Amino acid sequence: MEEPMCLIENNPNEQLRVNQEALKILQSIQQPVVVVAIVGLYRTGKSYLMNKLAGKKKGFSLGATIQAETMGIWMWCLPHPENPDYTLVLLDTEGLGDVEKSNIENDAWIFALSILLSSTLVYNSMGTIDQFALEKLQYVTELTKRIKVKATTTKTYEDGEEENSEDFLRFFPAFVWAVRDFTLQLKLNGSPISSDEYLENALRRKKGQPEKLDLAKKCIRQYFPSRKCFVFDRPAGSRDLSELDDLSEKMLSPNFVVQAHRFRQHIYESTQPKMIQGGHLVTGTCE
């Protein structure tokens, strides 16, 4: 594909709908697919990070205003940079929490679809991993209501019971948290820590914390046993942010360039082809 196209359409006051033209392109892929999806609040730089994964300056639309640019789920199928036997499928999703949306219910469905379709799920947030960022992962706590693993019985948090987490783990992707515009020092109790340790500490239940506040943390720990975290400096100065897709790498923050390279290499080297029950590799057509 020379450029991305919409795979899942999200039209106002309508249910999500598959774009048949994009589906035909996907179904023409005979190789196993490595699927990377990104989710997070709107206007937090998701599309720019996905363009970095594509190795392109332009592709997924960035937008330079307060309005969300991506609607629904957009797809970009590319040759895998590290393995010629695989096809890399990037999914850029509509930002969560857009105040101008007429159908907020679709946020949860887009989140659920991103999990079911992807080999690796990237959660993109700004600033720090704090309670606000965790609360925006409320959609994780709703997954057991929206994803039925067994056709016979479905136990959910809403019922006060949980479906066996091992049933969900077979379908869930690896989890990567991308913390953008990170300005703090990675230290805990005076000692340096890694970004992964930073994530694990944030997901640890604190003494005296109400269980309700721990629910998103619990779901992430339980359903995403493979977890990774990357922190990113701001890619450029404030004046240049509106023209990011036109900036050469030399004009970007050196730290961001290094961080983006590490993130890209991790995704290329660690993300496996999508698999379904029984260990079958998924192609664009079928298992």
C-alpha atoms as a PDB file:
ATOM      1  CA  MET A   1       0.000   0.000   0.000  1.00  0.00           C
ATOM      2  CA  GLU A   2       1.371   3.413  -0.971  1.00  0.00           C
ATOM      3  CA  GLU A   3      -0.632   5.072   1.771  1.00  0.00           C
ATOM      4  CA  PRO A   4      -3.020   4.158   4.618  1.00  0.00           C
ATOM      5  CA  MET A   5      -6.742   3.730   4.110  1.00  0.00           C
ATOM      6  CA  CYS A   6      -9.709   3.384   6.419  1.00  0.00           C
ATOM      7  CA  LEU A   7     -10.434  -0.205   7.462  1.00  0.00           C
ATOM      8  CA  ILE A   8     -13.161   0.388  10.067  1.00  0.00           C
ATOM      9  CA  GLU A   9     -15.412   3.377   9.415  1.00  0.00           C
ATOM     10  CA  ASN A  10     -16.948   5.279  12.318  1.00  0.00           C
ATOM     11  CA  ASN A  11     -19.657   7.540  10.950  1.00  0.00           C
ATOM     12  CA  PRO A  12     -21.712   9.801  13.250  1.00  0.00           C
ATOM     13  CA  ASN A  13     -24.795   8.120  14.733  1.00  0.00           C
ATOM     14  CA  GLU A  14     -23.958   4.812  13.042  1.00  0.00           C
ATOM     15  CA  GLN A  15     -22.395   1.511  14.044  1.00  0.00           C
ATOM     16  CA  LEU A  16     -18.828   0.723  13.057  1.00  0.00           C
ATOM     17  CA  ARG A  17     -18.600  -0.540   9.488  1.00  0.00           C
ATOM     18  CA  VAL A  18     -15.901  -2.402   7.533  1.00  0.00           C
ATOM     19  CA  ASN A  19     -14.580  -0.639   4.438  1.00  0.00           C
ATOM     20  CA  GLN A  20     -14.938  -3.335   1.777  1.00  0.00           C
ATOM     21  CA  GLU A  21     -12.181  -1.914  -0.427  1.00  0.00           C
ATOM     22  CA  ALA A  22      -9.688  -2.081   2.442  1.00  0.00           C
ATOM     23  CA  LEU A  23     -10.916  -5.561   3.320  1.00  0.00           C
ATOM     24  CA  LYS A  24     -10.139  -6.759  -0.216  1.00  0.00           C
ATOM     25  CA  ILE A  25      -6.585  -5.471   0.110  1.00  0.00           C
ATOM     26  CA  LEU A  26      -6.180  -7.221   3.445  1.00  0.00           C
ATOM     27  CA  GLN A  27      -7.598 -10.463   2.090  1.00  0.00           C
ATOM     28  CA  SER A  28      -5.099 -10.432  -0.770  1.00  0.00           C
ATOM     29  CA  ILE A  29      -2.176 -10.855   1.671  1.00  0.00           C
ATOM     30  CA  GLN A  30      -0.951 -14.450   1.596  1.00  0.00           C
ATOM     31  CA  GLN A  31       1.847 -14.022   4.136  1.00  0.00           C
ATOM     32  CA  PRO A  32       1.454 -14.174   7.912  1.00  0.00           C
ATOM     33  CA  VAL A  33       0.601 -10.696   9.215  1.00  0.00           C
ATOM     34  CA  VAL A  34       2.372  -8.879  12.041  1.00  0.00           C
ATOM     35  CA  VAL A  35      -0.287  -6.474  13.315  1.00  0.00           C
ATOM     36  CA  VAL A  36       0.587  -3.434  15.442  1.00  0.00           C
ATOM     37  CA  ALA A  37      -2.269  -1.235  16.682  1.00  0.00           C
ATOM     38  CA  ILE A  38      -2.028   2.007  18.621  1.00  0.00           C
ATOM     39  CA  VAL A  39      -4.702   3.405  20.958  1.00  0.00           C
ATOM     40  CA  GLY A  40      -4.914   6.388  23.288  1.00  0.00           C
ATOM     41  CA  LEU A  41      -6.439   9.806  23.795  1.00  0.00           C
ATOM     42  CA  TYR A  42      -6.973  11.975  20.758  1.00  0.00           C
ATOM     43  CA  ARG A  43      -4.332  14.586  19.826  1.00  0.00           C
ATOM     44  CA  THR A  44      -1.481  12.768  21.583  1.00  0.00           C
ATOM     45  CA  GLY A  45       0.731  11.970  18.585  1.00  0.00           C
ATOM     46  CA  LYS A  46      -0.349   8.403  17.823  1.00  0.00           C
ATOM     47  CA  SER A  47      -0.266   8.863  14.051  1.00  0.00           C
ATOM     48  CA  TYR A  48       3.233  10.357  14.118  1.00  0.00           C
ATOM     49  CA  LEU A  49       4.572   7.363  16.043  1.00  0.00           C
ATOM     50  CA  MET A  50       2.952   4.973  13.568  1.00  0.00           C
ATOM     51  CA  ASN A  51       4.556   6.820  10.661  1.00  0.00           C
ATOM     52  CA  LYS A  52       7.879   6.223  12.407  1.00  0.00           C
ATOM     53  CA  LEU A  53       7.091   2.498  12.487  1.00  0.00           C
ATOM     54  CA  ALA A  54       6.312   2.657   8.783  1.00  0.00           C
ATOM     55  CA  GLY A  55       9.662   4.334   8.161  1.00  0.00           C
ATOM     56  CA  LYS A  56       7.882   7.231   6.455  1.00  0.00           C
ATOM     57  CA  LYS A  57       7.726  10.972   7.085  1.00  0.00           C
ATOM     58  CA  LYS A  58       4.133  11.079   5.896  1.00  0.00           C
ATOM     59  CA  GLY A  59       1.329   8.549   5.828  1.00  0.00           C
ATOM     60  CA  PHE A  60      -1.172   8.527   8.663  1.00  0.00           C
ATOM     61  CA  SER A  61      -2.610  12.016   8.842  1.00  0.00           C
ATOM     62  CA  LEU A  62      -1.287  14.074  11.750  1.00  0.00           C
ATOM     63  CA  GLY A  63      -3.367  17.227  11.800  1.00  0.00           C
ATOM     64  CA  ALA A  64      -2.246  20.393  13.530  1.00  0.00           C
ATOM     65  CA  THR A  65      -5.411  21.570  15.258  1.00  0.00           C
ATOM     66  CA  ILE A  66      -7.309  20.630  18.410  1.00  0.00           C
ATOM     67  CA  GLN A  67      -9.705  18.462  16.373  1.00  0.00           C
ATOM     68  CA  ALA A  68      -9.160  14.716  16.073  1.00  0.00           C
ATOM     69  CA  GLU A  69      -7.822  13.710  12.662  1.00  0.00           C
ATOM     70  CA  THR A  70      -8.223   9.912  12.585  1.00  0.00           C
ATOM     71  CA  MET A  71     -11.743   8.489  12.582  1.00  0.00           C
ATOM     72  CA  GLY A  72     -12.368   4.767  12.948  1.00  0.00           C
ATOM     73  CA  ILE A  73      -9.392   2.449  12.335  1.00  0.00           C
ATOM     74  CA  TRP A  74      -6.925   3.124   9.516  1.00  0.00           C
ATOM     75  CA  MET A  75      -4.715   0.413   8.013  1.00  0.00           C
ATOM     76  CA  TRP A  76      -1.331   0.456   6.309  1.00  0.00           C
ATOM     77  CA  CYS A  77       0.071  -2.810   4.931  1.00  0.00           C
ATOM     78  CA  LEU A  78       3.834  -2.780   4.303  1.00  0.00           C
ATOM     79  CA  PRO A  79       6.697  -5.226   3.727  1.00  0.00           C
ATOM     80  CA  HIS A  80       8.134  -6.258   7.073  1.00  0.00           C
ATOM     81  CA  PRO A  81      11.481  -4.437   7.531  1.00  0.00           C
ATOM     82  CA  GLU A  82      13.148  -7.394   9.280  1.00  0.00           C
ATOM     83  CA  ASN A  83      11.444 -10.481   7.855  1.00  0.00           C
ATOM     84  CA  PRO A  84      10.527 -10.754   4.144  1.00  0.00           C
ATOM     85  CA  ASP A  85       8.237 -13.698   4.935  1.00  0.00           C
ATOM     86  CA  TYR A  86       5.845 -11.473   6.910  1.00  0.00           C
ATOM     87  CA  THR A  87       3.664  -8.467   6.125  1.00  0.00           C
ATOM     88  CA  LEU A  88       3.551  -5.591   8.606  1.00  0.00           C
ATOM     89  CA  VAL A  89       0.032  -4.248   9.188  1.00  0.00           C
ATOM     90  CA  LEU A  90      -0.164  -0.969  11.106  1.00  0.00           C
ATOM     91  CA  LEU A  91      -3.489   0.120  12.612  1.00  0.00           C
ATOM     92  CA  ASP A  92      -3.945   3.734  13.647  1.00  0.00           C
ATOM     93  CA  THR A  93      -7.090   4.203  15.704  1.00  0.00           C
ATOM     94  CA  GLU A  94      -9.433   7.042  16.425  1.00  0.00           C
ATOM     95  CA  GLY A  95      -8.444   8.922  19.564  1.00  0.00           C
ATOM     96  CA  LEU A  96     -10.338   8.112  22.729  1.00  0.00           C
ATOM     97  CA  GLY A  97     -12.232  10.774  24.641  1.00  0.00           C
ATOM     98  CA  ASP A  98     -12.917  13.254  21.836  1.00  0.00           C
ATOM     99  CA  VAL A  99     -15.417  15.766  23.243  1.00  0.00           C
ATOM    100  CA  GLU A 100     -16.854  16.388  19.763  1.00  0.00           C
ATOM    101  CA  LYS A 101     -17.909  12.775  19.209  1.00  0.00           C
ATOM    102  CA  SER A 102     -21.570  12.041  18.796  1.00  0.00           C
ATOM    103  CA  ASN A 103     -21.143   8.334  19.559  1.00  0.00           C
ATOM    104  CA  ILE A 104     -18.824   7.772  22.534  1.00  0.00           C
ATOM    105  CA  GLU A 105     -19.964   4.126  22.781  1.00  0.00           C
ATOM    106  CA  ASN A 106     -17.819   3.310  19.764  1.00  0.00           C
ATOM    107  CA  ASP A 107     -14.642   4.113  21.733  1.00  0.00           C
ATOM    108  CA  ALA A 108     -14.949   0.854  23.634  1.00  0.00           C
ATOM    109  CA  TRP A 109     -15.615  -1.137  20.458  1.00  0.00           C
ATOM    110  CA  ILE A 110     -12.605   0.385  18.688  1.00  0.00           C
ATOM    111  CA  PHE A 111     -10.471  -0.499  21.712  1.00  0.00           C
ATOM    112  CA  ALA A 112     -11.770  -4.074  21.742  1.00  0.00           C
ATOM    113  CA  LEU A 113     -11.234  -4.496  17.997  1.00  0.00           C
ATOM    114  CA  SER A 114      -7.677  -3.180  18.321  1.00  0.00           C
ATOM    115  CA  ILE A 115      -6.915  -5.857  20.897  1.00  0.00           C
ATOM    116  CA  LEU A 116      -8.490  -8.689  18.910  1.00  0.00           C
ATOM    117  CA  LEU A 117      -6.772  -7.716  15.656  1.00  0.00           C
ATOM    118  CA  SER A 118      -3.274  -6.932  16.897  1.00  0.00           C
ATOM    119  CA  SER A 119      -0.129  -8.849  17.761  1.00  0.00           C
ATOM    120  CA  THR A 120       1.148  -5.854  19.746  1.00  0.00           C
ATOM    121  CA  LEU A 121      -1.027  -3.119  21.256  1.00  0.00           C
ATOM    122  CA  VAL A 122       0.621   0.265  21.842  1.00  0.00           C
ATOM    123  CA  TYR A 123      -1.061   2.510  24.408  1.00  0.00           C
ATOM    124  CA  ASN A 124      -0.042   6.128  23.845  1.00  0.00           C
ATOM    125  CA  SER A 125      -0.271   8.696  26.659  1.00  0.00           C
ATOM    126  CA  MET A 126       1.209  12.080  27.509  1.00  0.00           C
ATOM    127  CA  GLY A 127       3.476  13.252  30.304  1.00  0.00           C
ATOM    128  CA  THR A 128       3.569  10.535  32.951  1.00  0.00           C
ATOM    129  CA  ILE A 129       1.973   7.263  33.973  1.00  0.00           C
ATOM    130  CA  ASP A 130      -0.385   8.670  36.561  1.00  0.00           C
ATOM    131  CA  GLN A 131      -3.870   7.940  37.859  1.00  0.00           C
ATOM    132  CA  PHE A 132      -5.408  10.023  35.071  1.00  0.00           C
ATOM    133  CA  ALA A 133      -3.623   7.978  32.397  1.00  0.00           C
ATOM    134  CA  LEU A 134      -4.653   4.743  34.089  1.00  0.00           C
ATOM    135  CA  GLU A 135      -8.273   5.852  34.361  1.00  0.00           C
ATOM    136  CA  LYS A 136      -8.329   6.392  30.602  1.00  0.00           C
ATOM    137  CA  LEU A 137      -7.593   2.688  30.286  1.00  0.00           C
ATOM    138  CA  GLN A 138     -11.104   2.067  31.614  1.00  0.00           C
ATOM    139  CA  TYR A 139     -11.848   0.265  28.377  1.00  0.00           C
ATOM    140  CA  VAL A 140      -9.636  -2.599  29.523  1.00  0.00           C
ATOM    141  CA  THR A 141     -12.011  -3.184  32.420  1.00  0.00           C
ATOM    142  CA  GLU A 142     -14.907  -3.448  29.965  1.00  0.00           C
ATOM    143  CA  LEU A 143     -13.316  -6.029  27.700  1.00  0.00           C
ATOM    144  CA  THR A 144     -14.801  -9.004  29.481  1.00  0.00           C
ATOM    145  CA  LYS A 145     -18.236  -7.510  28.808  1.00  0.00           C
ATOM    146  CA  ARG A 146     -17.587  -7.090  25.086  1.00  0.00           C
ATOM    147  CA  ILE A 147     -15.378 -10.066  24.197  1.00  0.00           C
ATOM    148  CA  LYS A 148     -16.907 -13.503  24.544  1.00  0.00           C
ATOM    149  CA  VAL A 149     -14.254 -16.210  24.626  1.00  0.00           C
ATOM    150  CA  LYS A 150     -16.571 -19.168  25.138  1.00  0.00           C
ATOM    151  CA  ALA A 151     -19.847 -19.692  23.371  1.00  0.00           C
ATOM    152  CA  THR A 152     -21.362 -21.451  26.365  1.00  0.00           C
ATOM    153  CA  THR A 153     -20.922 -19.196  29.375  1.00  0.00           C
ATOM    154  CA  THR A 154     -19.628 -15.684  29.786  1.00  0.00           C
ATOM    155  CA  LYS A 155     -18.638 -14.451  33.249  1.00  0.00           C
ATOM    156  CA  THR A 156     -17.827 -10.797  33.558  1.00  0.00           C
ATOM    157  CA  TYR A 157     -16.742  -8.236  36.106  1.00  0.00           C
ATOM    158  CA  GLU A 158     -20.259  -6.862  35.848  1.00  0.00           C
ATOM    159  CA  ASP A 159     -21.572 -10.148  37.225  1.00  0.00           C
ATOM    160  CA  GLY A 160     -19.061 -10.065  40.045  1.00  0.00           C
ATOM    161  CA  GLU A 161     -17.191 -12.987  38.473  1.00  0.00           C
ATOM    162  CA  GLU A 162     -14.296 -13.209  36.061  1.00  0.00           C
ATOM    163  CA  GLU A 163     -13.941 -15.471  33.092  1.00  0.00           C
ATOM    164  CA  ASN A 164     -10.774 -17.566  33.328  1.00  0.00           C
ATOM    165  CA  SER A 165      -7.941 -15.198  32.417  1.00  0.00           C
ATOM    166  CA  GLU A 166      -6.153 -18.003  30.571  1.00  0.00           C
ATOM    167  CA  ASP A 167      -9.009 -18.018  28.055  1.00  0.00           C
ATOM    168  CA  PHE A 168      -8.395 -14.334  27.294  1.00  0.00           C
ATOM    169  CA  LEU A 169      -4.614 -14.599  27.233  1.00  0.00           C
ATOM    170  CA  ARG A 170      -4.787 -16.762  24.117  1.00  0.00           C
ATOM    171  CA  PHE A 171      -6.210 -13.814  22.206  1.00  0.00           C
ATOM    172  CA  PHE A 172      -4.529 -10.821  23.802  1.00  0.00           C
ATOM    173  CA  PRO A 173      -1.508  -9.091  22.223  1.00  0.00           C
ATOM    174  CA  ALA A 174       1.742  -7.911  23.771  1.00  0.00           C
ATOM    175  CA  PHE A 175       1.314  -4.556  25.512  1.00  0.00           C
ATOM    176  CA  VAL A 176       3.571  -1.531  24.994  1.00  0.00           C
ATOM    177  CA  TRP A 177       3.023   1.737  26.856  1.00  0.00           C
ATOM    178  CA  ALA A 178       4.446   4.765  25.027  1.00  0.00           C
ATOM    179  CA  VAL A 179       4.760   7.793  27.318  1.00  0.00           C
ATOM    180  CA  ARG A 180       5.144  10.919  25.193  1.00  0.00           C
ATOM    181  CA  ASP A 181       6.691  14.291  26.118  1.00  0.00           C
ATOM    182  CA  PHE A 182       8.270  12.709  29.185  1.00  0.00           C
ATOM    183  CA  THR A 183      10.285  15.242  31.206  1.00  0.00           C
ATOM    184  CA  LEU A 184      10.918  13.476  34.522  1.00  0.00           C
ATOM    185  CA  GLN A 185      13.968  11.550  35.684  1.00  0.00           C
ATOM    186  CA  LEU A 186      13.616   7.780  35.792  1.00  0.00           C
ATOM    187  CA  LYS A 187      14.444   7.404  39.467  1.00  0.00           C
ATOM    188  CA  LEU A 188      12.685   5.643  42.330  1.00  0.00           C
ATOM    189  CA  ASN A 189      13.709   6.217  45.945  1.00  0.00           C
ATOM    190  CA  GLY A 190      16.836   7.945  44.684  1.00  0.00           C
ATOM    191  CA  SER A 191      17.971   5.090  42.418  1.00  0.00           C
ATOM    192  CA  PRO A 192      17.833   4.952  38.602  1.00  0.00           C
ATOM    193  CA  ILE A 193      15.227   2.633  37.135  1.00  0.00           C
ATOM    194  CA  SER A 194      14.405   1.465  33.628  1.00  0.00           C
ATOM    195  CA  SER A 195      11.272   2.507  31.775  1.00  0.00           C
ATOM    196  CA  ASP A 196       9.968  -1.043  32.218  1.00  0.00           C
ATOM    197  CA  GLU A 197      10.456  -0.798  35.985  1.00  0.00           C
ATOM    198  CA  TYR A 198       8.669   2.537  35.874  1.00  0.00           C
ATOM    199  CA  LEU A 199       5.653   0.848  34.289  1.00  0.00           C
ATOM    200  CA  GLU A 200       5.628  -2.091  36.691  1.00  0.00           C
ATOM    201  CA  ASN A 201       5.800   0.214  39.701  1.00  0.00           C
ATOM    202  CA  ALA A 202       2.863   2.223  38.328  1.00  0.00           C
ATOM    203  CA  LEU A 203       0.829  -0.969  37.900  1.00  0.00           C
ATOM    204  CA  ARG A 204       1.518  -2.181  41.430  1.00  0.00           C
ATOM    205  CA  ARG A 205      -1.411  -1.859  43.798  1.00  0.00           C
ATOM    206  CA  LYS A 206      -0.709   0.665  46.532  1.00  0.00           C
ATOM    207  CA  LYS A 207      -1.593   0.003  50.156  1.00  0.00           C
ATOM    208  CA  GLY A 208      -4.957   1.394  51.103  1.00  0.00           C
ATOM    209  CA  GLN A 209      -5.970   2.064  47.510  1.00  0.00           C
ATOM    210  CA  PRO A 210      -9.637   1.228  46.834  1.00  0.00           C
ATOM    211  CA  GLU A 211     -10.043  -1.870  44.686  1.00  0.00           C
ATOM    212  CA  LYS A 212     -12.087   0.127  42.182  1.00  0.00           C
ATOM    213  CA  LEU A 213      -9.089   2.348  41.454  1.00  0.00           C
ATOM    214  CA  ASP A 214      -6.932  -0.744  41.045  1.00  0.00           C
ATOM    215  CA  LEU A 215      -9.240  -2.347  38.464  1.00  0.00           C
ATOM    216  CA  ALA A 216      -7.468  -1.048  35.345  1.00  0.00           C
ATOM    217  CA  LYS A 217      -4.090  -1.987  36.827  1.00  0.00           C
ATOM    218  CA  LYS A 218      -5.387  -5.439  37.667  1.00  0.00           C
ATOM    219  CA  CYS A 219      -6.696  -6.003  34.157  1.00  0.00           C
ATOM    220  CA  ILE A 220      -3.428  -4.914  32.551  1.00  0.00           C
ATOM    221  CA  ARG A 221      -1.407  -7.154  34.860  1.00  0.00           C
ATOM    222  CA  GLN A 222      -3.749 -10.064  34.313  1.00  0.00           C
ATOM    223  CA  TYR A 223      -4.462  -9.913  30.590  1.00  0.00           C
ATOM    224  CA  PHE A 224      -1.179  -8.488  29.287  1.00  0.00           C
ATOM    225  CA  PRO A 225       1.607 -10.655  30.744  1.00  0.00           C
ATOM    226  CA  SER A 226       4.012  -9.323  28.086  1.00  0.00           C
ATOM    227  CA  ARG A 227       4.532  -5.630  28.936  1.00  0.00           C
ATOM    228  CA  LYS A 228       7.038  -3.037  27.782  1.00  0.00           C
ATOM    229  CA  CYS A 229       7.384   0.718  28.289  1.00  0.00           C
ATOM    230  CA  PHE A 230       9.096   3.440  26.271  1.00  0.00           C
ATOM    231  CA  VAL A 231       9.411   7.088  27.252  1.00  0.00           C
ATOM    232  CA  PHE A 232       9.885   9.796  24.637  1.00  0.00           C
ATOM    233  CA  ASP A 233      11.136  13.367  24.782  1.00  0.00           C
ATOM    234  CA  ARG A 234       9.102  15.956  22.884  1.00  0.00           C
ATOM    235  CA  PRO A 235      10.124  15.444  19.233  1.00  0.00           C
ATOM    236  CA  ALA A 236      10.645  19.133  18.472  1.00  0.00           C
ATOM    237  CA  GLY A 237      10.143  22.638  19.809  1.00  0.00           C
ATOM    238  CA  SER A 238       6.648  24.079  20.146  1.00  0.00           C
ATOM    239  CA  ARG A 239       6.971  26.158  16.985  1.00  0.00           C
ATOM    240  CA  ASP A 240       7.793  23.089  14.883  1.00  0.00           C
ATOM    241  CA  LEU A 241       5.185  20.679  16.244  1.00  0.00           C
ATOM    242  CA  SER A 242       2.585  21.730  13.682  1.00  0.00           C
ATOM    243  CA  GLU A 243       4.971  20.759  10.873  1.00  0.00           C
ATOM    244  CA  LEU A 244       6.364  17.489  12.228  1.00  0.00           C
ATOM    245  CA  ASP A 245       5.731  15.510   9.059  1.00  0.00           C
ATOM    246  CA  ASP A 246       7.903  17.991   7.118  1.00  0.00           C
ATOM    247  CA  LEU A 247      10.857  18.015   9.530  1.00  0.00           C
ATOM    248  CA  SER A 248      14.004  16.108   8.690  1.00  0.00           C
ATOM    249  CA  GLU A 249      15.491  13.844  11.341  1.00  0.00           C
ATOM    250  CA  LYS A 250      18.280  16.374  11.883  1.00  0.00           C
ATOM    251  CA  MET A 251      15.691  18.907  13.046  1.00  0.00           C
ATOM    252  CA  LEU A 252      14.197  16.573  15.650  1.00  0.00           C
ATOM    253  CA  SER A 253      15.291  16.252  19.264  1.00  0.00           C
ATOM    254  CA  PRO A 254      18.358  13.939  19.336  1.00  0.00           C
ATOM    255  CA  ASN A 255      16.953  12.101  22.360  1.00  0.00           C
ATOM    256  CA  PHE A 256      13.639  11.536  20.575  1.00  0.00           C
ATOM    257  CA  VAL A 257      15.437  10.161  17.522  1.00  0.00           C
ATOM    258  CA  VAL A 258      17.283   7.613  19.683  1.00  0.00           C
ATOM    259  CA  GLN A 259      14.134   6.710  21.620  1.00  0.00           C
ATOM    260  CA  ALA A 260      12.072   6.300  18.438  1.00  0.00           C
ATOM    261  CA  HIS A 261      14.771   4.042  16.965  1.00  0.00           C
ATOM    262  CA  ARG A 262      14.739   1.796  20.049  1.00  0.00           C
ATOM    263  CA  PHE A 263      10.957   1.640  19.971  1.00  0.00           C
ATOM    264  CA  ARG A 264      10.931   0.804  16.264  1.00  0.00           C
ATOM    265  CA  GLN A 265      13.548  -1.934  16.620  1.00  0.00           C
ATOM    266  CA  HIS A 266      11.683  -3.494  19.541  1.00  0.00           C
ATOM    267  CA  ILE A 267       8.470  -3.644  17.524  1.00  0.00           C
ATOM    268  CA  TYR A 268      10.241  -5.052  14.455  1.00  0.00           C
ATOM    269  CA  GLU A 269      12.178  -7.691  16.386  1.00  0.00           C
ATOM    270  CA  SER A 270       9.710  -8.681  19.108  1.00  0.00           C
ATOM    271  CA  THR A 271       6.239  -8.529  17.562  1.00  0.00           C
ATOM    272  CA  GLN A 272       5.187 -11.940  16.315  1.00  0.00           C
ATOM    273  CA  PRO A 273       2.657 -12.741  13.575  1.00  0.00           C
ATOM    274  CA  LYS A 274      -0.938 -12.784  14.725  1.00  0.00           C
ATOM    275  CA  MET A 275      -1.974 -16.247  15.894  1.00  0.00           C
ATOM    276  CA  ILE A 276      -5.299 -17.826  16.706  1.00  0.00           C
ATOM    277  CA  GLN A 277      -6.301 -20.782  18.817  1.00  0.00           C
ATOM    278  CA  GLY A 278      -4.309 -23.868  17.978  1.00  0.00           C
ATOM    279  CA  GLY A 279      -1.148 -21.934  17.129  1.00  0.00           C
ATOM    280  CA  HIS A 280      -2.223 -21.101  13.560  1.00  0.00           C
ATOM    281  CA  LEU A 281      -0.581 -18.123  11.911  1.00  0.00           C
ATOM    282  CA  VAL A 282      -3.031 -15.607  10.490  1.00  0.00           C
ATOM    283  CA  THR A 283      -2.730 -14.276   6.957  1.00  0.00           C
ATOM    284  CA  GLY A 284      -4.844 -11.567   5.394  1.00  0.00           C
ATOM    285  CA  THR A 285      -7.122 -14.225   3.967  1.00  0.00           C
ATOM    286  CA  CYS A 286      -7.459 -16.810   6.678  1.00  0.00           C
ATOM    287  CA  GLU A 287      -5.500 -18.914   9.135  1.00  0.00           C
END
